[in-house]
Amino acid sequence: MSAAADIWERILVKYPRDSLALHLVFTHYIHSGKSLELCDLTNRALPHYNPSEMGYGSVVPLVLFICKILSCNDAGLYWGLIV
């Protein structure tokens, strides 16, 4: 499964708004217990979304889940999303 996550990550580098790749690698990291990778993933994705654009609503819950539940904010890995 890690090879698949590497492919999804490469897709996200080229297409940072690819929602399917984002959610697939997010799910992989959740099941693998990779909390720092989750923080990095969501923090890299969020700047590519604008609150007025479609798709923003699917990224914000990921960021909030990671940064509130896993305390990424304490690690300095939080973009400062204000809800």
C-alpha atoms as a PDB file:
ATOM      1  CA  MET A   1       0.000   0.000   0.000  1.00  0.00           C
ATOM      2  CA  SER A   2       2.927   2.334   0.599  1.00  0.00           C
ATOM      3  CA  ALA A   3       3.796   2.241  -3.108  1.00  0.00           C
ATOM      4  CA  ALA A   4       0.270   3.416  -3.887  1.00  0.00           C
ATOM      5  CA  ALA A   5       0.632   6.275  -1.386  1.00  0.00           C
ATOM      6  CA  ASP A   6       3.862   7.307  -3.112  1.00  0.00           C
ATOM      7  CA  ILE A   7       2.030   7.421  -6.436  1.00  0.00           C
ATOM      8  CA  TRP A   8      -0.812   9.478  -4.956  1.00  0.00           C
ATOM      9  CA  GLU A   9       1.729  11.870  -3.432  1.00  0.00           C
ATOM     10  CA  ARG A  10       3.395  12.309  -6.851  1.00  0.00           C
ATOM     11  CA  ILE A  11      -0.018  12.980  -8.389  1.00  0.00           C
ATOM     12  CA  LEU A  12      -0.637  15.649  -5.747  1.00  0.00           C
ATOM     13  CA  VAL A  13       2.674  17.330  -6.534  1.00  0.00           C
ATOM     14  CA  LYS A  14       1.637  17.635 -10.153  1.00  0.00           C
ATOM     15  CA  TYR A  15      -2.079  18.200  -9.524  1.00  0.00           C
ATOM     16  CA  PRO A  16      -2.443  19.616  -5.988  1.00  0.00           C
ATOM     17  CA  ARG A  17      -6.231  19.893  -6.297  1.00  0.00           C
ATOM     18  CA  ASP A  18      -6.782  16.226  -7.169  1.00  0.00           C
ATOM     19  CA  SER A  19      -9.426  15.439  -4.591  1.00  0.00           C
ATOM     20  CA  LEU A  20      -9.413  11.677  -5.169  1.00  0.00           C
ATOM     21  CA  ALA A  21      -5.637  11.369  -4.696  1.00  0.00           C
ATOM     22  CA  LEU A  22      -5.841  13.603  -1.623  1.00  0.00           C
ATOM     23  CA  HIS A  23      -8.540  11.522   0.026  1.00  0.00           C
ATOM     24  CA  LEU A  24      -6.923   8.194  -0.889  1.00  0.00           C
ATOM     25  CA  VAL A  25      -3.519   9.088   0.527  1.00  0.00           C
ATOM     26  CA  PHE A  26      -5.213  10.704   3.541  1.00  0.00           C
ATOM     27  CA  THR A  27      -7.054   7.449   4.239  1.00  0.00           C
ATOM     28  CA  HIS A  28      -3.843   5.464   3.810  1.00  0.00           C
ATOM     29  CA  TYR A  29      -2.008   7.679   6.302  1.00  0.00           C
ATOM     30  CA  ILE A  30      -4.883   7.395   8.800  1.00  0.00           C
ATOM     31  CA  HIS A  31      -4.781   3.600   8.669  1.00  0.00           C
ATOM     32  CA  SER A  32      -0.981   3.572   8.808  1.00  0.00           C
ATOM     33  CA  GLY A  33      -0.856   5.864  11.827  1.00  0.00           C
ATOM     34  CA  LYS A  34       1.334   8.413  10.050  1.00  0.00           C
ATOM     35  CA  SER A  35       0.265  11.583  11.848  1.00  0.00           C
ATOM     36  CA  LEU A  36       3.125  13.819  10.695  1.00  0.00           C
ATOM     37  CA  GLU A  37       2.500  12.813   7.095  1.00  0.00           C
ATOM     38  CA  LEU A  38      -1.185  13.670   7.596  1.00  0.00           C
ATOM     39  CA  CYS A  39      -0.281  17.124   8.891  1.00  0.00           C
ATOM     40  CA  ASP A  40       2.103  17.697   6.002  1.00  0.00           C
ATOM     41  CA  LEU A  41      -0.425  16.447   3.458  1.00  0.00           C
ATOM     42  CA  THR A  42      -3.227  18.715   4.599  1.00  0.00           C
ATOM     43  CA  ASN A  43      -0.952  21.722   5.026  1.00  0.00           C
ATOM     44  CA  ARG A  44       0.351  21.293   1.481  1.00  0.00           C
ATOM     45  CA  ALA A  45      -3.157  20.921   0.064  1.00  0.00           C
ATOM     46  CA  LEU A  46      -4.941  23.806   1.774  1.00  0.00           C
ATOM     47  CA  PRO A  47      -3.089  26.708   0.064  1.00  0.00           C
ATOM     48  CA  HIS A  48      -4.277  25.432  -3.320  1.00  0.00           C
ATOM     49  CA  TYR A  49      -7.911  25.925  -2.339  1.00  0.00           C
ATOM     50  CA  ASN A  50      -9.785  29.197  -2.043  1.00  0.00           C
ATOM     51  CA  PRO A  51     -12.787  29.427   0.313  1.00  0.00           C
ATOM     52  CA  SER A  52     -14.953  30.679  -2.543  1.00  0.00           C
ATOM     53  CA  GLU A  53     -14.102  27.746  -4.824  1.00  0.00           C
ATOM     54  CA  MET A  54     -15.636  24.331  -5.113  1.00  0.00           C
ATOM     55  CA  GLY A  55     -13.631  21.689  -3.282  1.00  0.00           C
ATOM     56  CA  TYR A  56     -12.619  23.861  -0.344  1.00  0.00           C
ATOM     57  CA  GLY A  57     -15.325  22.259   1.761  1.00  0.00           C
ATOM     58  CA  SER A  58     -13.800  18.836   1.241  1.00  0.00           C
ATOM     59  CA  VAL A  59     -10.311  19.912   2.372  1.00  0.00           C
ATOM     60  CA  VAL A  60     -11.198  21.934   5.471  1.00  0.00           C
ATOM     61  CA  PRO A  61     -12.599  18.923   7.394  1.00  0.00           C
ATOM     62  CA  LEU A  62      -9.373  17.026   6.721  1.00  0.00           C
ATOM     63  CA  VAL A  63      -7.300  19.898   8.074  1.00  0.00           C
ATOM     64  CA  LEU A  64      -9.525  20.334  11.101  1.00  0.00           C
ATOM     65  CA  PHE A  65      -9.533  16.619  11.875  1.00  0.00           C
ATOM     66  CA  ILE A  66      -5.765  16.390  11.743  1.00  0.00           C
ATOM     67  CA  CYS A  67      -4.929  19.652  13.441  1.00  0.00           C
ATOM     68  CA  LYS A  68      -7.472  19.391  16.220  1.00  0.00           C
ATOM     69  CA  ILE A  69      -7.496  15.672  16.914  1.00  0.00           C
ATOM     70  CA  LEU A  70      -3.798  14.979  16.359  1.00  0.00           C
ATOM     71  CA  SER A  71      -2.616  18.382  17.659  1.00  0.00           C
ATOM     72  CA  CYS A  72      -0.535  19.350  14.655  1.00  0.00           C
ATOM     73  CA  ASN A  73      -0.891  22.922  15.825  1.00  0.00           C
ATOM     74  CA  ASP A  74       1.420  22.122  18.739  1.00  0.00           C
ATOM     75  CA  ALA A  75       4.021  20.817  16.305  1.00  0.00           C
ATOM     76  CA  GLY A  76       3.956  24.072  14.334  1.00  0.00           C
ATOM     77  CA  LEU A  77       2.514  22.331  11.287  1.00  0.00           C
ATOM     78  CA  TYR A  78      -0.810  24.167  11.120  1.00  0.00           C
ATOM     79  CA  TRP A  79      -1.544  26.814   8.479  1.00  0.00           C
ATOM     80  CA  GLY A  80      -3.700  28.795  10.864  1.00  0.00           C
ATOM     81  CA  LEU A  81      -7.092  28.018   9.416  1.00  0.00           C
ATOM     82  CA  ILE A  82      -9.686  30.022  11.292  1.00  0.00           C
ATOM     83  CA  VAL A  83     -13.141  28.527  11.435  1.00  0.00           C
END
